N, C-alpha and C. Protein backbone atom coordinates (compact mmCIF):
# COMPACT_ATOMS: atom_id res chain seq x y z
N MET A 1 91.30 -93.76 -52.99
CA MET A 1 91.82 -93.94 -54.33
C MET A 1 90.73 -93.64 -55.35
N ILE A 2 91.11 -92.91 -56.36
CA ILE A 2 90.21 -92.69 -57.49
C ILE A 2 90.75 -93.54 -58.64
N PRO A 3 90.03 -94.60 -59.03
CA PRO A 3 90.53 -95.47 -60.09
C PRO A 3 90.69 -94.71 -61.41
N HIS A 4 91.68 -95.11 -62.19
CA HIS A 4 91.95 -94.49 -63.48
C HIS A 4 90.72 -94.60 -64.39
N GLY A 5 90.36 -93.46 -64.99
CA GLY A 5 89.24 -93.43 -65.93
C GLY A 5 87.88 -93.46 -65.28
N ARG A 6 87.81 -93.33 -63.96
CA ARG A 6 86.52 -93.36 -63.26
C ARG A 6 86.36 -92.05 -62.51
N PRO A 7 85.62 -91.07 -63.04
CA PRO A 7 85.45 -89.79 -62.35
C PRO A 7 84.84 -89.98 -60.97
N ALA A 8 85.22 -89.08 -60.05
CA ALA A 8 84.71 -89.14 -58.68
C ALA A 8 83.79 -87.95 -58.44
N LEU A 9 82.81 -88.16 -57.57
CA LEU A 9 81.81 -87.13 -57.28
C LEU A 9 81.71 -86.90 -55.78
N THR A 10 81.49 -85.65 -55.40
CA THR A 10 81.16 -85.35 -54.01
C THR A 10 79.65 -85.55 -53.84
N LEU A 11 79.17 -85.47 -52.61
CA LEU A 11 77.72 -85.61 -52.39
C LEU A 11 76.94 -84.49 -53.06
N ASP A 12 77.53 -83.28 -53.12
CA ASP A 12 76.85 -82.19 -53.82
C ASP A 12 76.74 -82.51 -55.32
N ASP A 13 77.80 -83.12 -55.88
CA ASP A 13 77.75 -83.52 -57.29
C ASP A 13 76.68 -84.60 -57.51
N VAL A 14 76.59 -85.52 -56.55
CA VAL A 14 75.57 -86.58 -56.65
C VAL A 14 74.17 -85.96 -56.64
N ALA A 15 73.95 -85.00 -55.74
CA ALA A 15 72.65 -84.34 -55.66
C ALA A 15 72.34 -83.63 -56.97
N ALA A 16 73.34 -82.98 -57.57
CA ALA A 16 73.14 -82.29 -58.84
C ALA A 16 72.76 -83.29 -59.94
N ARG A 17 73.40 -84.46 -59.94
CA ARG A 17 73.07 -85.48 -60.95
C ARG A 17 71.65 -85.99 -60.74
N ALA A 18 71.22 -86.02 -59.49
CA ALA A 18 69.85 -86.48 -59.19
C ALA A 18 68.82 -85.39 -59.47
N GLY A 19 69.29 -84.15 -59.68
CA GLY A 19 68.39 -83.05 -59.99
C GLY A 19 67.69 -82.46 -58.79
N VAL A 20 68.31 -82.59 -57.61
CA VAL A 20 67.73 -82.01 -56.39
C VAL A 20 68.81 -81.17 -55.69
N SER A 21 68.36 -80.37 -54.75
CA SER A 21 69.31 -79.55 -53.99
C SER A 21 70.05 -80.43 -52.98
N PRO A 22 71.25 -80.01 -52.54
CA PRO A 22 71.98 -80.81 -51.55
C PRO A 22 71.18 -81.06 -50.27
N SER A 23 70.41 -80.06 -49.82
CA SER A 23 69.63 -80.26 -48.59
C SER A 23 68.52 -81.28 -48.81
N THR A 24 67.85 -81.22 -49.96
CA THR A 24 66.81 -82.21 -50.27
C THR A 24 67.43 -83.60 -50.39
N TRP A 25 68.60 -83.67 -51.02
CA TRP A 25 69.29 -84.95 -51.16
C TRP A 25 69.57 -85.55 -49.78
N ARG A 26 70.11 -84.74 -48.87
CA ARG A 26 70.44 -85.26 -47.53
C ARG A 26 69.19 -85.73 -46.80
N ARG A 27 68.10 -85.00 -46.95
CA ARG A 27 66.86 -85.34 -46.24
C ARG A 27 66.18 -86.58 -46.81
N GLN A 28 66.14 -86.70 -48.13
CA GLN A 28 65.28 -87.71 -48.73
C GLN A 28 66.02 -88.89 -49.37
N HIS A 29 67.24 -88.70 -49.82
CA HIS A 29 67.88 -89.74 -50.63
C HIS A 29 69.21 -90.26 -50.07
N HIS A 30 69.80 -89.52 -49.18
CA HIS A 30 71.17 -89.83 -48.74
C HIS A 30 71.28 -91.22 -48.10
N ALA A 31 70.37 -91.57 -47.22
CA ALA A 31 70.46 -92.85 -46.51
C ALA A 31 70.41 -94.03 -47.49
N ALA A 32 69.50 -93.99 -48.44
CA ALA A 32 69.39 -95.09 -49.41
C ALA A 32 70.63 -95.15 -50.31
N PHE A 33 71.13 -93.98 -50.68
CA PHE A 33 72.31 -93.93 -51.55
C PHE A 33 73.53 -94.51 -50.85
N THR A 34 73.81 -94.08 -49.62
CA THR A 34 75.02 -94.55 -48.92
C THR A 34 74.90 -96.02 -48.52
N ALA A 35 73.69 -96.54 -48.43
CA ALA A 35 73.53 -97.97 -48.16
C ALA A 35 73.89 -98.79 -49.40
N ALA A 36 73.68 -98.23 -50.59
CA ALA A 36 73.93 -98.96 -51.83
C ALA A 36 75.30 -98.67 -52.43
N VAL A 37 75.77 -97.43 -52.30
CA VAL A 37 77.04 -97.02 -52.94
C VAL A 37 78.02 -96.63 -51.84
N LYS A 38 79.15 -97.31 -51.81
CA LYS A 38 80.18 -97.04 -50.81
C LYS A 38 81.13 -95.97 -51.32
N PRO A 39 81.67 -95.15 -50.41
CA PRO A 39 82.65 -94.14 -50.85
C PRO A 39 83.90 -94.81 -51.43
N LEU A 40 84.61 -94.07 -52.24
CA LEU A 40 85.86 -94.60 -52.80
C LEU A 40 86.85 -94.84 -51.66
N PRO A 41 87.64 -95.90 -51.74
CA PRO A 41 88.58 -96.22 -50.67
C PRO A 41 89.55 -95.06 -50.42
N GLY A 42 89.75 -94.73 -49.16
CA GLY A 42 90.70 -93.68 -48.79
C GLY A 42 90.15 -92.27 -48.87
N SER A 43 88.94 -92.09 -49.38
CA SER A 43 88.42 -90.72 -49.51
C SER A 43 87.78 -90.29 -48.19
N THR A 44 88.20 -89.15 -47.73
CA THR A 44 87.62 -88.53 -46.55
C THR A 44 87.66 -87.03 -46.76
N ARG A 45 86.72 -86.37 -46.20
CA ARG A 45 86.66 -84.90 -46.23
C ARG A 45 87.08 -84.31 -47.55
N PRO A 46 86.32 -84.34 -48.59
CA PRO A 46 84.98 -84.89 -48.67
C PRO A 46 85.01 -86.37 -49.07
N LEU A 47 83.92 -87.07 -48.71
CA LEU A 47 83.76 -88.43 -49.21
C LEU A 47 83.49 -88.35 -50.70
N LEU A 48 84.10 -89.24 -51.44
CA LEU A 48 83.93 -89.25 -52.89
C LEU A 48 83.29 -90.57 -53.32
N TYR A 49 82.50 -90.48 -54.37
CA TYR A 49 81.78 -91.65 -54.89
C TYR A 49 82.07 -91.81 -56.37
N ASP A 50 82.13 -93.04 -56.82
CA ASP A 50 82.40 -93.33 -58.22
C ASP A 50 81.20 -92.89 -59.07
N ALA A 51 81.49 -92.16 -60.17
CA ALA A 51 80.42 -91.64 -61.01
C ALA A 51 79.61 -92.77 -61.65
N ALA A 52 80.27 -93.83 -62.10
CA ALA A 52 79.54 -94.94 -62.75
C ALA A 52 78.62 -95.63 -61.75
N GLN A 53 79.10 -95.83 -60.52
CA GLN A 53 78.25 -96.45 -59.51
C GLN A 53 77.08 -95.53 -59.14
N THR A 54 77.37 -94.23 -59.07
CA THR A 54 76.31 -93.26 -58.75
C THR A 54 75.23 -93.27 -59.82
N ASP A 55 75.66 -93.20 -61.09
CA ASP A 55 74.68 -93.19 -62.18
C ASP A 55 73.85 -94.48 -62.20
N ALA A 56 74.51 -95.61 -61.93
CA ALA A 56 73.78 -96.88 -61.90
C ALA A 56 72.73 -96.86 -60.80
N HIS A 57 73.07 -96.34 -59.63
CA HIS A 57 72.10 -96.28 -58.53
C HIS A 57 70.93 -95.35 -58.89
N LEU A 58 71.25 -94.20 -59.46
CA LEU A 58 70.20 -93.22 -59.77
C LEU A 58 69.25 -93.73 -60.86
N THR A 59 69.74 -94.60 -61.73
CA THR A 59 68.87 -95.14 -62.80
C THR A 59 68.31 -96.51 -62.47
N GLY A 60 68.61 -97.03 -61.26
CA GLY A 60 68.07 -98.32 -60.85
C GLY A 60 68.78 -99.51 -61.46
N GLN A 61 69.97 -99.31 -61.97
CA GLN A 61 70.74 -100.40 -62.58
C GLN A 61 71.62 -101.07 -61.52
N PRO A 62 72.14 -102.28 -61.80
CA PRO A 62 73.08 -102.92 -60.86
C PRO A 62 74.35 -102.08 -60.70
N ILE A 63 74.86 -102.04 -59.48
CA ILE A 63 76.05 -101.23 -59.19
C ILE A 63 77.28 -101.93 -59.76
N PRO A 64 78.03 -101.28 -60.68
CA PRO A 64 79.24 -101.92 -61.21
C PRO A 64 80.36 -101.94 -60.17
N HIS A 65 81.24 -102.92 -60.31
CA HIS A 65 82.37 -103.02 -59.37
C HIS A 65 83.47 -102.05 -59.77
N LEU A 66 84.26 -101.66 -58.79
CA LEU A 66 85.45 -100.87 -59.07
C LEU A 66 86.50 -101.80 -59.66
N PRO A 67 87.44 -101.28 -60.46
CA PRO A 67 88.48 -102.14 -61.03
C PRO A 67 89.28 -102.85 -59.94
N ASP A 68 89.59 -104.13 -60.18
CA ASP A 68 90.37 -104.91 -59.22
C ASP A 68 91.86 -104.69 -59.38
N GLU A 69 92.31 -104.51 -60.61
CA GLU A 69 93.74 -104.38 -60.88
C GLU A 69 94.20 -102.95 -60.69
N PRO A 70 95.34 -102.75 -60.00
CA PRO A 70 95.86 -101.39 -59.87
C PRO A 70 96.37 -100.87 -61.22
N HIS A 71 96.24 -99.58 -61.41
CA HIS A 71 96.68 -98.93 -62.65
C HIS A 71 97.64 -97.81 -62.28
N GLY A 72 98.62 -97.56 -63.12
CA GLY A 72 99.62 -96.51 -62.84
C GLY A 72 99.03 -95.13 -62.71
N GLN A 73 97.87 -94.90 -63.32
CA GLN A 73 97.25 -93.57 -63.27
C GLN A 73 96.13 -93.46 -62.23
N ASP A 74 95.97 -94.48 -61.37
CA ASP A 74 95.06 -94.35 -60.23
C ASP A 74 95.52 -93.17 -59.39
N LEU A 75 94.58 -92.41 -58.86
CA LEU A 75 94.94 -91.28 -57.99
C LEU A 75 94.85 -91.72 -56.54
N LEU A 76 95.93 -91.45 -55.78
CA LEU A 76 96.03 -91.91 -54.40
C LEU A 76 96.15 -90.73 -53.44
N THR A 77 95.65 -90.93 -52.22
CA THR A 77 95.79 -89.93 -51.17
C THR A 77 97.20 -90.01 -50.58
N ASP A 78 97.55 -89.05 -49.73
CA ASP A 78 98.87 -89.07 -49.08
C ASP A 78 99.04 -90.32 -48.23
N ALA A 79 97.96 -90.76 -47.57
CA ALA A 79 98.06 -91.97 -46.74
C ALA A 79 98.28 -93.21 -47.60
N GLU A 80 97.63 -93.27 -48.76
CA GLU A 80 97.81 -94.42 -49.65
C GLU A 80 99.21 -94.43 -50.27
N VAL A 81 99.73 -93.24 -50.61
CA VAL A 81 101.11 -93.15 -51.11
C VAL A 81 102.07 -93.58 -50.01
N ALA A 82 101.79 -93.17 -48.77
CA ALA A 82 102.65 -93.54 -47.64
C ALA A 82 102.70 -95.06 -47.47
N ALA A 83 101.57 -95.71 -47.66
CA ALA A 83 101.53 -97.18 -47.52
C ALA A 83 102.39 -97.85 -48.58
N ILE A 84 102.46 -97.27 -49.77
CA ILE A 84 103.27 -97.85 -50.84
C ILE A 84 104.75 -97.55 -50.63
N THR A 85 105.07 -96.33 -50.23
CA THR A 85 106.47 -95.90 -50.14
C THR A 85 107.13 -96.27 -48.83
N GLY A 86 106.35 -96.60 -47.80
CA GLY A 86 106.93 -96.88 -46.50
C GLY A 86 107.23 -95.62 -45.71
N LEU A 87 106.72 -94.49 -46.15
CA LEU A 87 106.91 -93.22 -45.46
C LEU A 87 105.65 -92.92 -44.64
N THR A 88 105.65 -91.79 -43.97
CA THR A 88 104.44 -91.33 -43.32
C THR A 88 103.72 -90.36 -44.25
N ALA A 89 102.43 -90.12 -44.00
CA ALA A 89 101.67 -89.20 -44.84
C ALA A 89 102.27 -87.80 -44.80
N SER A 90 102.74 -87.37 -43.63
CA SER A 90 103.34 -86.04 -43.53
C SER A 90 104.64 -85.96 -44.33
N THR A 91 105.40 -87.05 -44.37
CA THR A 91 106.63 -87.07 -45.18
C THR A 91 106.30 -87.03 -46.65
N VAL A 92 105.23 -87.69 -47.06
CA VAL A 92 104.80 -87.64 -48.46
C VAL A 92 104.50 -86.19 -48.85
N ARG A 93 103.75 -85.49 -47.99
CA ARG A 93 103.42 -84.09 -48.30
C ARG A 93 104.68 -83.23 -48.32
N ALA A 94 105.60 -83.46 -47.37
CA ALA A 94 106.84 -82.70 -47.33
C ALA A 94 107.71 -82.99 -48.55
N ASP A 95 107.77 -84.26 -48.96
CA ASP A 95 108.55 -84.62 -50.15
C ASP A 95 107.98 -83.96 -51.40
N ALA A 96 106.66 -83.87 -51.49
CA ALA A 96 106.04 -83.22 -52.65
C ALA A 96 106.38 -81.73 -52.66
N THR A 97 106.39 -81.11 -51.49
CA THR A 97 106.72 -79.69 -51.40
C THR A 97 108.18 -79.46 -51.74
N ALA A 98 109.06 -80.36 -51.30
CA ALA A 98 110.50 -80.20 -51.50
C ALA A 98 110.97 -80.68 -52.87
N GLY A 99 110.09 -81.28 -53.66
CA GLY A 99 110.47 -81.74 -54.98
C GLY A 99 111.03 -83.15 -55.03
N ARG A 100 110.98 -83.89 -53.92
CA ARG A 100 111.45 -85.28 -53.93
C ARG A 100 110.37 -86.23 -54.44
N LEU A 101 109.17 -85.70 -54.62
CA LEU A 101 108.03 -86.47 -55.12
C LEU A 101 107.25 -85.56 -56.06
N ASP A 102 106.61 -86.15 -57.03
CA ASP A 102 105.74 -85.40 -57.94
C ASP A 102 104.81 -84.51 -57.11
N PRO A 103 104.56 -83.26 -57.53
CA PRO A 103 103.71 -82.38 -56.72
C PRO A 103 102.27 -82.82 -56.60
N GLY A 104 101.83 -83.72 -57.46
CA GLY A 104 100.46 -84.21 -57.36
C GLY A 104 99.47 -83.30 -58.05
N THR A 105 98.20 -83.63 -57.89
CA THR A 105 97.10 -82.92 -58.54
C THR A 105 96.09 -82.50 -57.49
N GLU A 106 95.63 -81.27 -57.58
CA GLU A 106 94.59 -80.78 -56.66
C GLU A 106 93.23 -81.17 -57.24
N LEU A 107 92.45 -81.88 -56.44
CA LEU A 107 91.14 -82.34 -56.91
C LEU A 107 90.22 -82.51 -55.71
N HIS A 108 89.04 -81.93 -55.76
CA HIS A 108 88.05 -82.03 -54.69
C HIS A 108 88.62 -81.54 -53.35
N GLY A 109 89.43 -80.49 -53.40
CA GLY A 109 89.91 -79.86 -52.18
C GLY A 109 91.07 -80.57 -51.50
N ARG A 110 91.72 -81.52 -52.17
CA ARG A 110 92.89 -82.17 -51.58
C ARG A 110 93.85 -82.58 -52.68
N ARG A 111 95.04 -82.98 -52.29
CA ARG A 111 96.08 -83.35 -53.25
C ARG A 111 96.10 -84.86 -53.45
N TRP A 112 96.29 -85.27 -54.71
CA TRP A 112 96.31 -86.67 -55.11
C TRP A 112 97.58 -86.93 -55.91
N TRP A 113 98.11 -88.15 -55.79
CA TRP A 113 99.29 -88.56 -56.55
C TRP A 113 98.96 -89.82 -57.33
N THR A 114 99.59 -89.96 -58.50
CA THR A 114 99.37 -91.18 -59.27
C THR A 114 100.11 -92.34 -58.62
N ARG A 115 99.61 -93.53 -58.86
CA ARG A 115 100.27 -94.73 -58.34
C ARG A 115 101.68 -94.84 -58.94
N ALA A 116 101.85 -94.44 -60.20
CA ALA A 116 103.16 -94.50 -60.84
C ALA A 116 104.15 -93.59 -60.12
N ALA A 117 103.72 -92.39 -59.69
CA ALA A 117 104.61 -91.48 -58.97
C ALA A 117 104.99 -92.07 -57.62
N ALA A 118 104.04 -92.73 -56.95
CA ALA A 118 104.34 -93.35 -55.66
C ALA A 118 105.34 -94.48 -55.82
N GLU A 119 105.16 -95.29 -56.85
CA GLU A 119 106.09 -96.40 -57.07
C GLU A 119 107.47 -95.90 -57.49
N ALA A 120 107.51 -94.79 -58.24
CA ALA A 120 108.80 -94.20 -58.62
C ALA A 120 109.53 -93.68 -57.38
N ARG A 121 108.78 -93.12 -56.43
CA ARG A 121 109.40 -92.62 -55.18
C ARG A 121 109.92 -93.79 -54.35
N THR A 122 109.25 -94.93 -54.40
CA THR A 122 109.70 -96.10 -53.65
C THR A 122 111.02 -96.61 -54.20
N ALA A 123 111.19 -96.57 -55.52
CA ALA A 123 112.41 -97.08 -56.15
C ALA A 123 113.59 -96.12 -55.98
N ARG A 124 113.31 -94.89 -55.60
CA ARG A 124 114.37 -93.88 -55.47
C ARG A 124 114.98 -93.94 -54.08
N PRO A 125 116.33 -93.89 -53.97
CA PRO A 125 116.93 -93.95 -52.64
C PRO A 125 116.62 -92.70 -51.82
N THR A 126 116.61 -92.86 -50.52
CA THR A 126 116.35 -91.75 -49.62
C THR A 126 117.49 -90.75 -49.70
N GLN A 127 117.16 -89.46 -49.77
CA GLN A 127 118.18 -88.43 -49.92
C GLN A 127 118.48 -87.73 -48.61
N TYR A 128 117.89 -88.16 -47.55
CA TYR A 128 118.10 -87.47 -46.28
C TYR A 128 118.10 -88.50 -45.18
N LYS A 129 118.70 -88.13 -44.06
CA LYS A 129 118.72 -89.02 -42.92
C LYS A 129 117.55 -88.67 -42.02
N GLY A 130 117.02 -89.65 -41.39
CA GLY A 130 115.92 -89.40 -40.47
C GLY A 130 115.56 -90.68 -39.75
N ARG A 131 114.61 -90.57 -38.88
CA ARG A 131 114.17 -91.74 -38.12
C ARG A 131 113.36 -92.65 -39.04
N THR A 132 113.52 -93.93 -38.85
CA THR A 132 112.75 -94.91 -39.59
C THR A 132 111.31 -94.85 -39.09
N PRO A 133 110.31 -94.87 -40.00
CA PRO A 133 108.93 -94.87 -39.52
C PRO A 133 108.69 -96.03 -38.56
N GLY A 134 108.10 -95.73 -37.41
CA GLY A 134 107.81 -96.75 -36.42
C GLY A 134 108.96 -97.05 -35.48
N ALA A 135 110.05 -96.27 -35.56
CA ALA A 135 111.19 -96.52 -34.67
C ALA A 135 110.78 -96.33 -33.22
N LYS A 136 111.25 -97.23 -32.36
CA LYS A 136 110.85 -97.20 -30.95
C LYS A 136 111.90 -96.56 -30.04
N ASP A 137 113.12 -96.39 -30.54
CA ASP A 137 114.17 -95.85 -29.67
C ASP A 137 113.96 -94.36 -29.45
N ARG A 138 113.74 -94.00 -28.24
CA ARG A 138 113.50 -92.60 -27.89
C ARG A 138 114.70 -91.99 -27.16
N ALA A 139 115.68 -92.81 -26.85
CA ALA A 139 116.84 -92.30 -26.11
C ALA A 139 117.68 -91.40 -27.01
N PRO A 140 118.32 -90.39 -26.43
CA PRO A 140 119.18 -89.54 -27.24
C PRO A 140 120.37 -90.33 -27.78
N ARG A 141 120.88 -89.89 -28.90
CA ARG A 141 122.03 -90.56 -29.49
C ARG A 141 123.27 -90.34 -28.62
N ARG A 142 124.09 -91.38 -28.47
CA ARG A 142 125.30 -91.27 -27.69
C ARG A 142 126.38 -90.58 -28.51
N THR A 143 127.13 -89.72 -27.85
CA THR A 143 128.25 -89.06 -28.51
C THR A 143 129.54 -89.54 -27.86
N ALA A 144 130.60 -89.52 -28.64
CA ALA A 144 131.89 -89.97 -28.12
C ALA A 144 132.36 -89.00 -27.03
N PRO A 145 132.99 -89.52 -25.95
CA PRO A 145 133.46 -88.63 -24.89
C PRO A 145 134.57 -87.72 -25.40
N ASP A 146 134.60 -86.52 -24.87
CA ASP A 146 135.61 -85.54 -25.25
C ASP A 146 136.90 -85.85 -24.49
N THR A 147 137.95 -86.23 -25.21
CA THR A 147 139.23 -86.60 -24.54
C THR A 147 139.87 -85.40 -23.87
N ARG A 148 139.53 -84.20 -24.30
CA ARG A 148 140.12 -83.01 -23.67
C ARG A 148 139.72 -82.90 -22.21
N VAL A 149 138.52 -83.36 -21.86
CA VAL A 149 138.05 -83.24 -20.47
C VAL A 149 138.94 -84.06 -19.54
N SER A 150 139.27 -85.30 -19.94
CA SER A 150 140.14 -86.12 -19.07
C SER A 150 141.54 -85.54 -19.00
N GLU A 151 142.04 -84.97 -20.09
CA GLU A 151 143.36 -84.33 -20.08
C GLU A 151 143.38 -83.13 -19.14
N ILE A 152 142.32 -82.34 -19.19
CA ILE A 152 142.25 -81.15 -18.32
C ILE A 152 142.08 -81.57 -16.86
N ALA A 153 141.31 -82.62 -16.61
CA ALA A 153 141.16 -83.12 -15.24
C ALA A 153 142.51 -83.55 -14.68
N ALA A 154 143.31 -84.24 -15.49
CA ALA A 154 144.64 -84.66 -15.05
C ALA A 154 145.53 -83.45 -14.80
N ALA A 155 145.43 -82.42 -15.67
CA ALA A 155 146.24 -81.20 -15.50
C ALA A 155 145.82 -80.45 -14.24
N LEU A 156 144.53 -80.43 -13.92
CA LEU A 156 144.05 -79.77 -12.69
C LEU A 156 144.59 -80.49 -11.46
N THR A 157 144.57 -81.81 -11.48
CA THR A 157 145.10 -82.60 -10.35
C THR A 157 146.59 -82.35 -10.18
N ALA A 158 147.31 -82.33 -11.32
CA ALA A 158 148.76 -82.09 -11.26
C ALA A 158 149.06 -80.69 -10.72
N ALA A 159 148.27 -79.69 -11.13
CA ALA A 159 148.49 -78.32 -10.65
C ALA A 159 148.22 -78.22 -9.15
N GLU A 160 147.20 -78.89 -8.66
CA GLU A 160 146.89 -78.87 -7.22
C GLU A 160 147.99 -79.54 -6.41
N ASN A 161 148.64 -80.57 -6.96
CA ASN A 161 149.71 -81.27 -6.25
C ASN A 161 151.06 -80.61 -6.46
N GLY A 162 151.10 -79.50 -7.19
CA GLY A 162 152.34 -78.78 -7.41
C GLY A 162 153.23 -79.40 -8.46
N HIS A 163 152.67 -80.23 -9.33
CA HIS A 163 153.47 -80.90 -10.36
C HIS A 163 153.23 -80.32 -11.74
N GLY A 164 152.56 -79.19 -11.85
CA GLY A 164 152.31 -78.59 -13.15
C GLY A 164 151.84 -77.16 -13.01
N PRO A 165 151.78 -76.45 -14.14
CA PRO A 165 151.33 -75.06 -14.10
C PRO A 165 149.83 -74.97 -13.83
N ALA A 166 149.38 -73.78 -13.45
CA ALA A 166 147.96 -73.54 -13.21
C ALA A 166 147.19 -73.68 -14.53
N VAL A 167 146.02 -74.23 -14.42
CA VAL A 167 145.17 -74.42 -15.61
C VAL A 167 144.20 -73.24 -15.69
N THR A 168 144.32 -72.45 -16.79
CA THR A 168 143.42 -71.30 -16.98
C THR A 168 142.73 -71.43 -18.34
N ALA A 169 141.65 -70.71 -18.49
CA ALA A 169 140.92 -70.73 -19.75
C ALA A 169 141.77 -70.19 -20.88
N ASN A 170 142.59 -69.17 -20.60
CA ASN A 170 143.43 -68.59 -21.65
C ASN A 170 144.48 -69.58 -22.15
N THR A 171 145.13 -70.31 -21.21
CA THR A 171 146.15 -71.28 -21.65
C THR A 171 145.52 -72.43 -22.42
N LEU A 172 144.34 -72.86 -21.98
CA LEU A 172 143.65 -73.94 -22.71
C LEU A 172 143.19 -73.48 -24.08
N ALA A 173 142.69 -72.24 -24.18
CA ALA A 173 142.25 -71.70 -25.47
C ALA A 173 143.39 -71.68 -26.46
N THR A 174 144.58 -71.32 -25.99
CA THR A 174 145.75 -71.31 -26.86
C THR A 174 146.18 -72.73 -27.22
N HIS A 175 146.20 -73.62 -26.21
CA HIS A 175 146.65 -75.00 -26.43
C HIS A 175 145.75 -75.78 -27.39
N TYR A 176 144.43 -75.65 -27.21
CA TYR A 176 143.49 -76.42 -28.03
C TYR A 176 142.95 -75.63 -29.23
N ASP A 177 143.35 -74.37 -29.34
CA ASP A 177 142.87 -73.50 -30.41
C ASP A 177 141.35 -73.40 -30.38
N ILE A 178 140.83 -73.02 -29.21
CA ILE A 178 139.39 -72.86 -29.01
C ILE A 178 139.15 -71.52 -28.36
N SER A 179 137.89 -71.12 -28.21
CA SER A 179 137.56 -69.86 -27.55
C SER A 179 137.72 -70.02 -26.05
N THR A 180 137.87 -68.89 -25.35
CA THR A 180 138.02 -68.96 -23.88
C THR A 180 136.72 -69.45 -23.25
N ARG A 181 135.58 -69.16 -23.86
CA ARG A 181 134.30 -69.65 -23.30
C ARG A 181 134.23 -71.17 -23.39
N THR A 182 134.68 -71.74 -24.51
CA THR A 182 134.71 -73.20 -24.63
C THR A 182 135.70 -73.78 -23.63
N ALA A 183 136.83 -73.11 -23.44
CA ALA A 183 137.82 -73.57 -22.46
C ALA A 183 137.23 -73.57 -21.06
N GLU A 184 136.44 -72.54 -20.72
CA GLU A 184 135.79 -72.48 -19.40
C GLU A 184 134.82 -73.64 -19.22
N ARG A 185 134.07 -73.99 -20.28
CA ARG A 185 133.15 -75.12 -20.20
C ARG A 185 133.91 -76.42 -19.97
N LEU A 186 135.04 -76.58 -20.67
CA LEU A 186 135.84 -77.80 -20.50
C LEU A 186 136.39 -77.90 -19.08
N ILE A 187 136.83 -76.77 -18.50
CA ILE A 187 137.33 -76.77 -17.12
C ILE A 187 136.20 -77.18 -16.17
N ALA A 188 135.00 -76.64 -16.40
CA ALA A 188 133.86 -76.99 -15.54
C ALA A 188 133.54 -78.47 -15.64
N LYS A 189 133.59 -79.05 -16.84
CA LYS A 189 133.33 -80.48 -17.01
C LYS A 189 134.42 -81.32 -16.33
N ALA A 190 135.66 -80.86 -16.46
CA ALA A 190 136.77 -81.60 -15.83
C ALA A 190 136.65 -81.57 -14.32
N ARG A 191 136.27 -80.44 -13.74
CA ARG A 191 136.09 -80.35 -12.29
C ARG A 191 134.93 -81.24 -11.83
N ALA A 192 133.84 -81.25 -12.64
CA ALA A 192 132.68 -82.09 -12.29
C ALA A 192 133.07 -83.56 -12.35
N ARG A 193 133.89 -83.94 -13.30
CA ARG A 193 134.33 -85.33 -13.41
C ARG A 193 135.20 -85.73 -12.21
N ARG A 194 136.03 -84.80 -11.74
CA ARG A 194 136.91 -85.13 -10.60
C ARG A 194 136.13 -85.31 -9.32
N THR A 195 134.99 -84.60 -9.19
CA THR A 195 134.22 -84.71 -7.94
C THR A 195 133.23 -85.86 -7.99
N SER A 196 132.95 -86.39 -9.17
CA SER A 196 131.95 -87.47 -9.27
C SER A 196 132.58 -88.83 -9.03
């Protein structure tokens, strides 16, 4: 999270503020800096640091605290938005692409969303069906049995006993208003049901 009104810096930006090259910074100053100044919460690749905390460290002043109260204009990562909305980070990115969420802002090589946009997405009803995050059921969904299969099985039995006409794909296609290929599949299912 990048707090509202608090610019964020990469390590290269920190080195530039210190007036040294990034390689010199890593060799001589990085360990002391990271021991005193923690990265902003949720920042990864690149790690980001608060500019006010960085400047305080570089000038030998006490490190100021980050704001405690959330603000609507705080910038959040996809994972932080996901925690607020109850979605997954990949769904947050997909929603932003599809227009179901504010597109966000590109900053420091990644996309950020305001806390207000995340909260607005939480208040908005879901527009699509899908699995609930964290759902444990992995079994396929049950479908209602096709009543035509039992009817065809009964017709096949009747035809074998001489109590009805022969069952063909063409007659079934006409009777059920389906293709002959679908009728052949139904006959195969009916035969399999009779033998099981």
